[in-house]
Amino acid sequence: MRRPLIAAACLIALTGCAGNGHAGHESTDHAGHDLAPTTPASAPAQAPVTSASGSAAPAVGDYNLADVMFLQMAVANHNRGIELVHLADKRPIREDLRNLSAAIRLTQEQELEQMKKWLTEWSQSTDVNPDPNAHAHHGGMPVTDAQSLAELGKLPDGEFEKQFIALLTAHQHNAVEFALTEGKEGASTPVKAFADKVVKSRTGQIQQLLNYQQQ
């Protein structure tokens, strides 16, 4: 049984998560995006600052639109990531992979609390704007789609581990992409520090997952 979305995610993992596309995800070509030059509706408009990509990222207090969009995307990514690792709970996978999955779940649950706290303090929604046009300037939002998780959950035990590793690798790579963009576009010092932490931790996890795939 080989389903195209999961198989494509496996290809991403085998190539070291390189390239612009992300099969099995709701969007592609997210890297190097420009953020829409608008101020969040709930925040007062202030003088815009220039982002690393040259686009205007309006500053609002000690944060800007890039910070808000990063946190909202990261919340969605973390929620889906927790769903993904839960799929392995009752599967016969190797013990070190099970331990990594448990560590990922714990880390992302803790990070979710902090990200939601920031958004709440800024009077911003913790949900991503469902309007596709709101994300047009950054190529959409690369979040592992529900169909990929559904297909993974239907796989027999003999096929599950390989495809689970591939999909989780691609999923963590997405987090690295928009965390790197936050480092360039964001204004909030603590959020940018958090994004840097995400890059480092997910990069390490990706390397572990790639090592598992080669064993």
N, C-alpha and C. Protein backbone atom coordinates (compact mmCIF):
# COMPACT_ATOMS: atom_id res chain seq x y z
N MET A 1 0.85 -1.19 0.00
CA MET A 1 0.00 0.00 0.00
C MET A 1 0.89 1.24 0.00
N ARG A 2 0.79 2.03 -1.04
CA ARG A 2 1.60 3.24 -1.12
C ARG A 2 0.71 4.39 -1.55
N ARG A 3 0.52 5.32 -0.73
CA ARG A 3 -0.33 6.47 -1.05
C ARG A 3 0.56 7.62 -1.46
N PRO A 4 0.20 8.38 -2.52
CA PRO A 4 1.10 9.38 -3.09
C PRO A 4 1.54 10.46 -2.14
N LEU A 5 0.66 10.96 -1.26
CA LEU A 5 1.06 12.06 -0.39
C LEU A 5 2.14 11.64 0.57
N ILE A 6 2.00 10.47 1.18
CA ILE A 6 2.99 10.00 2.13
C ILE A 6 4.27 9.62 1.41
N ALA A 7 4.16 9.02 0.23
CA ALA A 7 5.35 8.65 -0.52
C ALA A 7 6.15 9.88 -0.90
N ALA A 8 5.46 10.95 -1.25
CA ALA A 8 6.15 12.18 -1.60
C ALA A 8 6.87 12.77 -0.40
N ALA A 9 6.25 12.69 0.77
CA ALA A 9 6.90 13.17 1.98
C ALA A 9 8.16 12.37 2.25
N CYS A 10 8.13 11.08 1.93
CA CYS A 10 9.30 10.23 2.12
C CYS A 10 10.43 10.71 1.24
N LEU A 11 10.11 11.14 0.01
CA LEU A 11 11.13 11.65 -0.90
C LEU A 11 11.79 12.88 -0.33
N ILE A 12 11.02 13.76 0.32
CA ILE A 12 11.58 14.95 0.95
C ILE A 12 12.60 14.54 1.99
N ALA A 13 12.27 13.56 2.81
CA ALA A 13 13.17 13.12 3.86
C ALA A 13 14.45 12.55 3.29
N LEU A 14 14.35 11.74 2.24
CA LEU A 14 15.52 11.11 1.66
C LEU A 14 16.46 12.10 1.01
N THR A 15 15.94 13.25 0.62
CA THR A 15 16.78 14.27 0.01
C THR A 15 17.21 15.31 1.02
N GLY A 16 17.08 15.00 2.29
CA GLY A 16 17.54 15.91 3.33
C GLY A 16 16.64 17.10 3.52
N CYS A 17 15.37 16.94 3.14
CA CYS A 17 14.38 18.02 3.29
C CYS A 17 14.78 19.25 2.51
N ALA A 18 15.40 19.08 1.37
CA ALA A 18 15.82 20.23 0.58
C ALA A 18 14.73 20.56 -0.41
N GLY A 19 14.82 21.75 -1.01
CA GLY A 19 13.91 22.14 -2.07
C GLY A 19 12.81 23.03 -1.58
N ASN A 20 12.00 23.51 -2.55
CA ASN A 20 10.95 24.48 -2.23
C ASN A 20 9.61 23.83 -1.97
N GLY A 21 9.33 22.63 -2.51
CA GLY A 21 8.01 22.04 -2.39
C GLY A 21 7.90 21.15 -1.19
N HIS A 22 6.65 20.92 -0.73
CA HIS A 22 6.39 20.04 0.41
C HIS A 22 5.17 19.22 0.10
N ALA A 23 5.38 18.03 -0.47
CA ALA A 23 4.25 17.17 -0.78
C ALA A 23 3.59 16.72 0.50
N GLY A 24 2.25 16.53 0.43
CA GLY A 24 1.51 16.10 1.60
C GLY A 24 1.24 17.23 2.55
N HIS A 25 1.37 18.49 2.08
CA HIS A 25 1.15 19.64 2.92
C HIS A 25 0.21 20.60 2.22
N GLU A 26 -0.37 21.51 2.97
CA GLU A 26 -1.42 22.35 2.44
C GLU A 26 -0.90 23.48 1.57
N SER A 27 0.40 23.66 1.49
CA SER A 27 0.95 24.74 0.69
C SER A 27 2.35 24.40 0.29
N THR A 28 2.90 25.14 -0.69
CA THR A 28 4.27 24.95 -1.13
C THR A 28 4.96 26.28 -1.28
N ASP A 29 6.31 26.21 -1.45
CA ASP A 29 7.12 27.39 -1.74
C ASP A 29 6.95 28.46 -0.70
N HIS A 30 7.21 28.12 0.56
CA HIS A 30 7.04 29.06 1.66
C HIS A 30 8.30 29.84 1.95
N ALA A 31 9.46 29.30 1.58
CA ALA A 31 10.72 29.93 1.96
C ALA A 31 10.87 31.28 1.29
N GLY A 32 11.48 32.21 2.02
CA GLY A 32 11.80 33.53 1.49
C GLY A 32 10.58 34.35 1.19
N HIS A 33 9.52 34.21 1.95
CA HIS A 33 8.29 34.92 1.64
C HIS A 33 8.34 36.35 2.12
N ASP A 34 7.46 37.17 1.55
CA ASP A 34 7.28 38.55 2.00
C ASP A 34 5.97 38.61 2.74
N LEU A 35 5.95 39.32 3.84
CA LEU A 35 4.74 39.42 4.63
C LEU A 35 3.88 40.58 4.14
N ALA A 36 2.58 40.38 4.21
CA ALA A 36 1.66 41.42 3.77
C ALA A 36 1.82 42.66 4.63
N PRO A 37 1.95 43.84 3.99
CA PRO A 37 2.19 45.08 4.75
C PRO A 37 0.92 45.63 5.36
N THR A 38 0.32 44.90 6.27
CA THR A 38 -0.87 45.38 6.96
C THR A 38 -0.71 45.20 8.44
N THR A 39 -1.36 46.03 9.21
CA THR A 39 -1.30 45.96 10.67
C THR A 39 -2.43 45.10 11.19
N PRO A 40 -2.21 44.23 12.19
CA PRO A 40 -3.30 43.44 12.76
C PRO A 40 -4.45 44.34 13.17
N ALA A 41 -5.68 43.88 12.90
CA ALA A 41 -6.86 44.72 13.11
C ALA A 41 -7.02 45.17 14.54
N SER A 42 -6.58 44.35 15.49
CA SER A 42 -6.82 44.68 16.89
C SER A 42 -5.74 45.57 17.48
N ALA A 43 -4.73 45.90 16.68
CA ALA A 43 -3.62 46.70 17.20
C ALA A 43 -3.58 48.05 16.51
N PRO A 44 -3.17 49.11 17.22
CA PRO A 44 -3.09 50.43 16.62
C PRO A 44 -1.97 50.50 15.61
N ALA A 45 -2.21 51.23 14.51
CA ALA A 45 -1.20 51.36 13.47
C ALA A 45 -0.06 52.24 13.95
N GLN A 46 1.17 51.84 13.60
CA GLN A 46 2.34 52.63 13.92
C GLN A 46 3.23 52.69 12.70
N ALA A 47 4.32 53.44 12.82
CA ALA A 47 5.21 53.61 11.68
C ALA A 47 5.79 52.27 11.26
N PRO A 48 5.78 51.95 9.94
CA PRO A 48 6.28 50.67 9.48
C PRO A 48 7.79 50.59 9.55
N VAL A 49 8.29 49.36 9.70
CA VAL A 49 9.72 49.12 9.64
C VAL A 49 9.97 48.25 8.43
N THR A 50 11.18 48.27 7.93
CA THR A 50 11.50 47.49 6.74
C THR A 50 12.01 46.13 7.14
N SER A 51 11.45 45.08 6.57
CA SER A 51 11.85 43.71 6.90
C SER A 51 13.07 43.33 6.10
N ALA A 52 13.63 42.15 6.42
CA ALA A 52 14.82 41.68 5.74
C ALA A 52 14.57 41.46 4.26
N SER A 53 13.34 41.16 3.88
CA SER A 53 13.03 40.92 2.48
C SER A 53 12.70 42.20 1.74
N GLY A 54 12.70 43.33 2.45
CA GLY A 54 12.41 44.61 1.82
C GLY A 54 10.96 45.01 1.91
N SER A 55 10.09 44.17 2.44
CA SER A 55 8.68 44.51 2.57
C SER A 55 8.45 45.28 3.86
N ALA A 56 7.34 46.00 3.91
CA ALA A 56 7.03 46.77 5.11
C ALA A 56 6.36 45.88 6.13
N ALA A 57 6.93 45.80 7.33
CA ALA A 57 6.34 45.01 8.42
C ALA A 57 6.01 45.97 9.55
N PRO A 58 4.76 46.44 9.63
CA PRO A 58 4.40 47.47 10.61
C PRO A 58 4.67 47.03 12.04
N ALA A 59 5.36 47.86 12.78
CA ALA A 59 5.64 47.57 14.18
C ALA A 59 4.44 47.95 15.03
N VAL A 60 4.09 47.11 15.96
CA VAL A 60 2.98 47.37 16.88
C VAL A 60 3.51 47.10 18.27
N GLY A 61 3.85 48.16 18.99
CA GLY A 61 4.46 47.97 20.30
C GLY A 61 5.81 47.30 20.13
N ASP A 62 6.00 46.17 20.82
CA ASP A 62 7.27 45.47 20.73
C ASP A 62 7.18 44.25 19.82
N TYR A 63 6.18 44.20 18.97
CA TYR A 63 6.04 43.09 18.02
C TYR A 63 5.48 43.63 16.72
N ASN A 64 5.50 42.82 15.67
CA ASN A 64 4.94 43.24 14.40
C ASN A 64 4.11 42.12 13.78
N LEU A 65 3.63 42.36 12.58
CA LEU A 65 2.77 41.38 11.91
C LEU A 65 3.49 40.06 11.69
N ALA A 66 4.79 40.14 11.42
CA ALA A 66 5.56 38.91 11.20
C ALA A 66 5.54 38.03 12.44
N ASP A 67 5.66 38.64 13.61
CA ASP A 67 5.62 37.88 14.86
C ASP A 67 4.27 37.19 15.04
N VAL A 68 3.21 37.93 14.77
CA VAL A 68 1.85 37.38 14.93
C VAL A 68 1.64 36.20 13.98
N MET A 69 1.99 36.40 12.71
CA MET A 69 1.77 35.34 11.73
C MET A 69 2.62 34.11 12.02
N PHE A 70 3.86 34.33 12.47
CA PHE A 70 4.72 33.21 12.82
C PHE A 70 4.10 32.39 13.95
N LEU A 71 3.67 33.07 15.01
CA LEU A 71 3.10 32.36 16.15
C LEU A 71 1.82 31.62 15.76
N GLN A 72 0.98 32.26 14.97
CA GLN A 72 -0.26 31.60 14.54
C GLN A 72 0.04 30.36 13.70
N MET A 73 1.01 30.48 12.78
CA MET A 73 1.39 29.33 11.97
C MET A 73 2.02 28.24 12.82
N ALA A 74 2.84 28.66 13.79
CA ALA A 74 3.50 27.68 14.65
C ALA A 74 2.49 26.95 15.53
N VAL A 75 1.46 27.66 16.00
CA VAL A 75 0.41 27.01 16.79
C VAL A 75 -0.26 25.92 15.95
N ALA A 76 -0.60 26.26 14.71
CA ALA A 76 -1.23 25.27 13.82
C ALA A 76 -0.29 24.10 13.56
N ASN A 77 0.98 24.41 13.33
CA ASN A 77 1.98 23.37 13.08
C ASN A 77 2.15 22.46 14.28
N HIS A 78 2.21 23.05 15.47
CA HIS A 78 2.38 22.25 16.69
C HIS A 78 1.17 21.35 16.94
N ASN A 79 -0.02 21.90 16.75
CA ASN A 79 -1.23 21.09 16.96
C ASN A 79 -1.24 19.87 16.04
N ARG A 80 -0.89 20.11 14.77
CA ARG A 80 -0.87 19.00 13.82
C ARG A 80 0.27 18.04 14.13
N GLY A 81 1.40 18.57 14.59
CA GLY A 81 2.52 17.71 14.96
C GLY A 81 2.19 16.79 16.12
N ILE A 82 1.45 17.31 17.09
CA ILE A 82 1.04 16.49 18.23
C ILE A 82 0.10 15.38 17.76
N GLU A 83 -0.80 15.71 16.83
CA GLU A 83 -1.67 14.68 16.26
C GLU A 83 -0.83 13.60 15.57
N LEU A 84 0.19 14.04 14.86
CA LEU A 84 1.04 13.12 14.11
C LEU A 84 1.77 12.14 15.02
N VAL A 85 2.41 12.64 16.07
CA VAL A 85 3.16 11.73 16.93
C VAL A 85 2.24 10.82 17.74
N HIS A 86 1.01 11.27 17.98
CA HIS A 86 0.04 10.41 18.69
C HIS A 86 -0.28 9.15 17.88
N LEU A 87 -0.16 9.25 16.56
CA LEU A 87 -0.45 8.09 15.72
C LEU A 87 0.49 6.93 15.99
N ALA A 88 1.66 7.23 16.54
CA ALA A 88 2.66 6.18 16.79
C ALA A 88 2.50 5.54 18.16
N ASP A 89 1.61 6.05 18.98
CA ASP A 89 1.50 5.59 20.37
C ASP A 89 1.31 4.08 20.50
N LYS A 90 0.46 3.51 19.68
CA LYS A 90 0.14 2.09 19.81
C LYS A 90 0.68 1.26 18.65
N ARG A 91 1.68 1.81 17.97
CA ARG A 91 2.29 1.09 16.85
C ARG A 91 3.60 0.43 17.28
N PRO A 92 3.96 -0.70 16.66
CA PRO A 92 5.20 -1.39 17.00
C PRO A 92 6.42 -0.76 16.33
N ILE A 93 6.84 0.40 16.83
CA ILE A 93 8.00 1.08 16.27
C ILE A 93 9.19 0.89 17.20
N ARG A 94 10.39 1.15 16.69
CA ARG A 94 11.60 0.99 17.50
C ARG A 94 11.56 1.91 18.72
N GLU A 95 12.21 1.51 19.79
CA GLU A 95 12.11 2.21 21.06
C GLU A 95 12.70 3.61 21.01
N ASP A 96 13.83 3.79 20.30
CA ASP A 96 14.42 5.13 20.25
C ASP A 96 13.53 6.10 19.49
N LEU A 97 12.83 5.62 18.48
CA LEU A 97 11.89 6.46 17.75
C LEU A 97 10.68 6.79 18.62
N ARG A 98 10.24 5.84 19.41
CA ARG A 98 9.12 6.09 20.33
C ARG A 98 9.51 7.15 21.36
N ASN A 99 10.75 7.07 21.86
CA ASN A 99 11.22 8.06 22.83
C ASN A 99 11.31 9.45 22.21
N LEU A 100 11.78 9.51 20.96
CA LEU A 100 11.86 10.80 20.27
C LEU A 100 10.46 11.38 20.07
N SER A 101 9.52 10.55 19.68
CA SER A 101 8.15 11.01 19.47
C SER A 101 7.55 11.56 20.75
N ALA A 102 7.81 10.89 21.86
CA ALA A 102 7.30 11.35 23.15
C ALA A 102 7.93 12.68 23.54
N ALA A 103 9.22 12.83 23.26
CA ALA A 103 9.92 14.08 23.57
C ALA A 103 9.39 15.22 22.71
N ILE A 104 9.12 14.94 21.45
CA ILE A 104 8.56 15.95 20.55
C ILE A 104 7.20 16.40 21.05
N ARG A 105 6.36 15.46 21.44
CA ARG A 105 5.02 15.81 21.94
C ARG A 105 5.11 16.69 23.18
N LEU A 106 5.96 16.33 24.13
CA LEU A 106 6.10 17.10 25.36
C LEU A 106 6.61 18.50 25.07
N THR A 107 7.63 18.60 24.23
CA THR A 107 8.20 19.90 23.88
C THR A 107 7.17 20.79 23.22
N GLN A 108 6.43 20.24 22.27
CA GLN A 108 5.49 21.06 21.52
C GLN A 108 4.27 21.45 22.36
N GLU A 109 3.90 20.62 23.30
CA GLU A 109 2.81 21.00 24.21
C GLU A 109 3.23 22.18 25.08
N GLN A 110 4.47 22.17 25.55
CA GLN A 110 4.97 23.27 26.37
C GLN A 110 5.12 24.54 25.53
N GLU A 111 5.61 24.39 24.31
CA GLU A 111 5.78 25.55 23.44
C GLU A 111 4.44 26.15 23.06
N LEU A 112 3.44 25.32 22.89
CA LEU A 112 2.10 25.81 22.57
C LEU A 112 1.59 26.77 23.64
N GLU A 113 1.80 26.43 24.88
CA GLU A 113 1.35 27.29 25.98
C GLU A 113 2.00 28.67 25.89
N GLN A 114 3.30 28.71 25.62
CA GLN A 114 4.00 29.98 25.54
C GLN A 114 3.54 30.80 24.35
N MET A 115 3.38 30.16 23.20
CA MET A 115 2.96 30.89 22.00
C MET A 115 1.56 31.46 22.15
N LYS A 116 0.66 30.68 22.73
CA LYS A 116 -0.70 31.18 22.94
C LYS A 116 -0.71 32.32 23.95
N LYS A 117 0.19 32.26 24.92
CA LYS A 117 0.29 33.32 25.92
C LYS A 117 0.69 34.63 25.25
N TRP A 118 1.69 34.59 24.37
CA TRP A 118 2.10 35.80 23.66
C TRP A 118 0.95 36.38 22.85
N LEU A 119 0.29 35.53 22.07
CA LEU A 119 -0.80 36.01 21.23
C LEU A 119 -1.94 36.59 22.06
N THR A 120 -2.25 35.97 23.17
CA THR A 120 -3.31 36.47 24.05
C THR A 120 -2.92 37.82 24.64
N GLU A 121 -1.67 37.96 25.05
CA GLU A 121 -1.20 39.23 25.61
C GLU A 121 -1.28 40.35 24.58
N TRP A 122 -1.14 40.00 23.32
CA TRP A 122 -1.20 40.99 22.24
C TRP A 122 -2.62 41.17 21.70
N SER A 123 -3.57 40.49 22.33
CA SER A 123 -4.98 40.53 21.88
C SER A 123 -5.13 40.04 20.44
N GLN A 124 -4.37 39.01 20.11
CA GLN A 124 -4.41 38.41 18.78
C GLN A 124 -5.00 37.01 18.87
N SER A 125 -5.65 36.58 17.80
CA SER A 125 -6.21 35.24 17.75
C SER A 125 -5.10 34.19 17.74
N THR A 126 -5.36 33.06 18.34
CA THR A 126 -4.39 31.96 18.28
C THR A 126 -4.60 31.11 17.03
N ASP A 127 -5.63 31.44 16.26
CA ASP A 127 -5.92 30.71 15.03
C ASP A 127 -5.40 31.47 13.82
N VAL A 128 -5.00 30.73 12.80
CA VAL A 128 -4.57 31.34 11.55
C VAL A 128 -5.79 31.84 10.80
N ASN A 129 -5.66 32.98 10.14
CA ASN A 129 -6.74 33.51 9.31
C ASN A 129 -7.09 32.48 8.24
N PRO A 130 -8.34 32.01 8.18
CA PRO A 130 -8.71 30.98 7.20
C PRO A 130 -8.77 31.48 5.77
N ASP A 131 -8.74 32.80 5.58
CA ASP A 131 -8.79 33.37 4.23
C ASP A 131 -7.47 33.13 3.52
N PRO A 132 -7.45 32.36 2.41
CA PRO A 132 -6.21 32.09 1.70
C PRO A 132 -5.48 33.36 1.27
N ASN A 133 -6.24 34.42 0.97
CA ASN A 133 -5.62 35.67 0.53
C ASN A 133 -4.76 36.30 1.62
N ALA A 134 -5.06 35.99 2.88
CA ALA A 134 -4.29 36.56 3.98
C ALA A 134 -2.86 36.03 4.00
N HIS A 135 -2.63 34.90 3.32
CA HIS A 135 -1.30 34.29 3.32
C HIS A 135 -0.65 34.31 1.94
N ALA A 136 -1.27 35.04 1.01
CA ALA A 136 -0.77 35.05 -0.36
C ALA A 136 0.65 35.57 -0.47
N HIS A 137 1.01 36.55 0.37
CA HIS A 137 2.32 37.17 0.28
C HIS A 137 3.44 36.27 0.79
N HIS A 138 3.10 35.21 1.54
CA HIS A 138 4.16 34.31 1.97
C HIS A 138 3.93 32.90 1.43
N GLY A 139 3.20 32.80 0.33
CA GLY A 139 3.06 31.52 -0.36
C GLY A 139 2.18 30.52 0.33
N GLY A 140 1.38 30.97 1.29
CA GLY A 140 0.52 30.04 2.01
C GLY A 140 1.17 29.54 3.28
N MET A 141 0.52 28.58 3.90
CA MET A 141 1.00 28.07 5.18
C MET A 141 1.29 26.58 5.06
N PRO A 142 2.58 26.18 5.15
CA PRO A 142 2.91 24.77 5.03
C PRO A 142 2.64 24.00 6.31
N VAL A 143 1.47 23.44 6.42
CA VAL A 143 1.13 22.61 7.58
C VAL A 143 0.72 21.24 7.06
N THR A 144 1.22 20.19 7.70
CA THR A 144 0.89 18.84 7.28
C THR A 144 -0.63 18.67 7.24
N ASP A 145 -1.15 18.24 6.11
CA ASP A 145 -2.61 18.21 5.97
C ASP A 145 -3.24 16.98 6.62
N ALA A 146 -4.51 17.12 6.89
CA ALA A 146 -5.25 16.06 7.58
C ALA A 146 -5.30 14.78 6.76
N GLN A 147 -5.33 14.91 5.44
CA GLN A 147 -5.40 13.73 4.60
C GLN A 147 -4.15 12.87 4.75
N SER A 148 -2.98 13.52 4.86
CA SER A 148 -1.74 12.77 5.04
C SER A 148 -1.76 11.98 6.34
N LEU A 149 -2.28 12.60 7.41
CA LEU A 149 -2.37 11.90 8.69
C LEU A 149 -3.36 10.75 8.61
N ALA A 150 -4.47 10.96 7.91
CA ALA A 150 -5.48 9.91 7.78
C ALA A 150 -4.90 8.72 7.02
N GLU A 151 -4.14 8.99 5.96
CA GLU A 151 -3.54 7.92 5.18
C GLU A 151 -2.50 7.17 6.00
N LEU A 152 -1.71 7.92 6.77
CA LEU A 152 -0.70 7.29 7.61
C LEU A 152 -1.36 6.38 8.64
N GLY A 153 -2.44 6.84 9.23
CA GLY A 153 -3.12 6.06 10.26
C GLY A 153 -3.72 4.76 9.74
N LYS A 154 -3.96 4.68 8.44
CA LYS A 154 -4.56 3.48 7.84
C LYS A 154 -3.52 2.45 7.42
N LEU A 155 -2.25 2.81 7.45
CA LEU A 155 -1.21 1.89 7.00
C LEU A 155 -1.06 0.71 7.96
N PRO A 156 -0.74 -0.46 7.44
CA PRO A 156 -0.49 -1.62 8.32
C PRO A 156 0.81 -1.40 9.09
N ASP A 157 0.97 -2.14 10.18
CA ASP A 157 2.14 -1.96 11.04
C ASP A 157 3.45 -2.10 10.28
N GLY A 158 3.49 -3.02 9.32
CA GLY A 158 4.72 -3.26 8.58
C GLY A 158 5.17 -2.09 7.74
N GLU A 159 4.26 -1.19 7.39
CA GLU A 159 4.60 -0.03 6.56
C GLU A 159 4.61 1.27 7.35
N PHE A 160 4.09 1.24 8.55
CA PHE A 160 3.86 2.48 9.29
C PHE A 160 5.15 3.22 9.63
N GLU A 161 6.14 2.53 10.21
CA GLU A 161 7.31 3.23 10.74
C GLU A 161 8.03 4.05 9.68
N LYS A 162 8.28 3.46 8.54
CA LYS A 162 9.00 4.16 7.47
C LYS A 162 8.27 5.43 7.05
N GLN A 163 6.97 5.31 6.85
CA GLN A 163 6.20 6.46 6.40
C GLN A 163 6.01 7.50 7.51
N PHE A 164 5.92 7.03 8.74
CA PHE A 164 5.83 7.94 9.89
C PHE A 164 7.08 8.80 9.98
N ILE A 165 8.24 8.18 9.84
CA ILE A 165 9.50 8.93 9.89
C ILE A 165 9.55 9.96 8.77
N ALA A 166 9.15 9.57 7.57
CA ALA A 166 9.19 10.48 6.43
C ALA A 166 8.28 11.68 6.63
N LEU A 167 7.05 11.42 7.09
CA LEU A 167 6.10 12.52 7.25
C LEU A 167 6.50 13.43 8.40
N LEU A 168 7.00 12.86 9.49
CA LEU A 168 7.44 13.67 10.62
C LEU A 168 8.65 14.51 10.25
N THR A 169 9.54 13.97 9.43
CA THR A 169 10.70 14.73 8.97
C THR A 169 10.26 15.95 8.17
N ALA A 170 9.36 15.74 7.22
CA ALA A 170 8.86 16.84 6.40
C ALA A 170 8.12 17.87 7.26
N HIS A 171 7.37 17.38 8.23
CA HIS A 171 6.61 18.28 9.12
C HIS A 171 7.56 19.18 9.92
N GLN A 172 8.61 18.60 10.48
CA GLN A 172 9.55 19.40 11.27
C GLN A 172 10.33 20.37 10.38
N HIS A 173 10.56 19.98 9.15
CA HIS A 173 11.23 20.88 8.21
C HIS A 173 10.40 22.13 7.96
N ASN A 174 9.09 21.99 7.89
CA ASN A 174 8.23 23.16 7.71
C ASN A 174 8.40 24.15 8.86
N ALA A 175 8.49 23.62 10.08
CA ALA A 175 8.67 24.48 11.25
C ALA A 175 9.98 25.26 11.15
N VAL A 176 11.02 24.62 10.65
CA VAL A 176 12.30 25.30 10.47
C VAL A 176 12.16 26.44 9.48
N GLU A 177 11.42 26.21 8.40
CA GLU A 177 11.27 27.23 7.36
C GLU A 177 10.67 28.52 7.90
N PHE A 178 9.50 28.43 8.54
CA PHE A 178 8.91 29.69 8.96
C PHE A 178 9.53 30.25 10.23
N ALA A 179 10.27 29.43 10.98
CA ALA A 179 11.04 29.97 12.12
C ALA A 179 12.22 30.78 11.61
N LEU A 180 12.84 30.33 10.54
CA LEU A 180 13.94 31.10 9.93
C LEU A 180 13.42 32.44 9.41
N THR A 181 12.23 32.43 8.84
CA THR A 181 11.65 33.67 8.33
C THR A 181 11.35 34.62 9.47
N GLU A 182 10.88 34.10 10.60
CA GLU A 182 10.63 34.94 11.77
C GLU A 182 11.91 35.63 12.21
N GLY A 183 13.03 34.92 12.15
CA GLY A 183 14.30 35.52 12.53
C GLY A 183 14.66 36.71 11.67
N LYS A 184 14.22 36.70 10.42
CA LYS A 184 14.51 37.81 9.50
C LYS A 184 13.46 38.91 9.56
N GLU A 185 12.20 38.52 9.74
CA GLU A 185 11.09 39.47 9.61
C GLU A 185 10.55 40.00 10.94
N GLY A 186 10.71 39.23 12.01
CA GLY A 186 10.08 39.58 13.27
C GLY A 186 10.71 40.77 13.98
N ALA A 187 9.98 41.30 14.97
CA ALA A 187 10.46 42.43 15.76
C ALA A 187 10.58 42.10 17.24
N SER A 188 9.83 41.11 17.71
CA SER A 188 9.83 40.77 19.13
C SER A 188 11.08 39.98 19.50
N THR A 189 11.85 40.51 20.43
CA THR A 189 13.09 39.84 20.85
C THR A 189 12.83 38.44 21.42
N PRO A 190 11.86 38.27 22.34
CA PRO A 190 11.63 36.92 22.87
C PRO A 190 11.08 35.95 21.83
N VAL A 191 10.26 36.43 20.91
CA VAL A 191 9.71 35.54 19.89
C VAL A 191 10.80 35.13 18.90
N LYS A 192 11.67 36.06 18.56
CA LYS A 192 12.78 35.72 17.66
C LYS A 192 13.73 34.73 18.33
N ALA A 193 13.94 34.88 19.64
CA ALA A 193 14.79 33.93 20.37
C ALA A 193 14.12 32.56 20.38
N PHE A 194 12.81 32.55 20.53
CA PHE A 194 12.06 31.29 20.49
C PHE A 194 12.19 30.64 19.12
N ALA A 195 12.08 31.45 18.06
CA ALA A 195 12.19 30.92 16.70
C ALA A 195 13.57 30.30 16.47
N ASP A 196 14.60 30.93 17.01
CA ASP A 196 15.96 30.39 16.88
C ASP A 196 16.06 29.04 17.59
N LYS A 197 15.41 28.94 18.73
CA LYS A 197 15.39 27.67 19.47
C LYS A 197 14.67 26.59 18.67
N VAL A 198 13.59 26.97 18.00
CA VAL A 198 12.85 26.03 17.17
C VAL A 198 13.73 25.51 16.04
N VAL A 199 14.45 26.42 15.39
CA VAL A 199 15.33 26.02 14.29
C VAL A 199 16.35 24.99 14.77
N LYS A 200 16.99 25.27 15.89
CA LYS A 200 18.03 24.38 16.39
C LYS A 200 17.46 23.03 16.81
N SER A 201 16.35 23.04 17.54
CA SER A 201 15.80 21.78 18.03
C SER A 201 15.24 20.92 16.90
N ARG A 202 14.52 21.55 15.95
CA ARG A 202 13.94 20.78 14.85
C ARG A 202 15.02 20.27 13.90
N THR A 203 16.07 21.05 13.72
CA THR A 203 17.17 20.59 12.87
C THR A 203 17.81 19.33 13.46
N GLY A 204 17.97 19.31 14.78
CA GLY A 204 18.51 18.13 15.44
C GLY A 204 17.58 16.94 15.30
N GLN A 205 16.27 17.18 15.43
CA GLN A 205 15.30 16.10 15.30
C GLN A 205 15.29 15.55 13.88
N ILE A 206 15.38 16.44 12.90
CA ILE A 206 15.41 16.01 11.51
C ILE A 206 16.60 15.10 11.25
N GLN A 207 17.75 15.46 11.79
CA GLN A 207 18.94 14.64 11.60
C GLN A 207 18.75 13.25 12.21
N GLN A 208 18.15 13.20 13.40
CA GLN A 208 17.87 11.91 14.03
C GLN A 208 16.94 11.07 13.16
N LEU A 209 15.91 11.71 12.63
CA LEU A 209 14.94 11.00 11.81
C LEU A 209 15.57 10.49 10.52
N LEU A 210 16.44 11.29 9.92
CA LEU A 210 17.13 10.85 8.71
C LEU A 210 18.05 9.66 9.01
N ASN A 211 18.67 9.69 10.18
CA ASN A 211 19.52 8.57 10.58
C ASN A 211 18.69 7.29 10.73
N TYR A 212 17.49 7.43 11.33
CA TYR A 212 16.61 6.27 11.48
C TYR A 212 16.24 5.70 10.11
N GLN A 213 16.03 6.61 9.16
CA GLN A 213 15.58 6.17 7.84
C GLN A 213 16.67 5.38 7.11
N GLN A 214 17.90 5.66 7.45
CA GLN A 214 19.01 4.98 6.79
C GLN A 214 19.39 3.67 7.47
N GLN A 215 18.80 3.39 8.61
CA GLN A 215 19.14 2.16 9.34
C GLN A 215 18.36 0.96 8.82
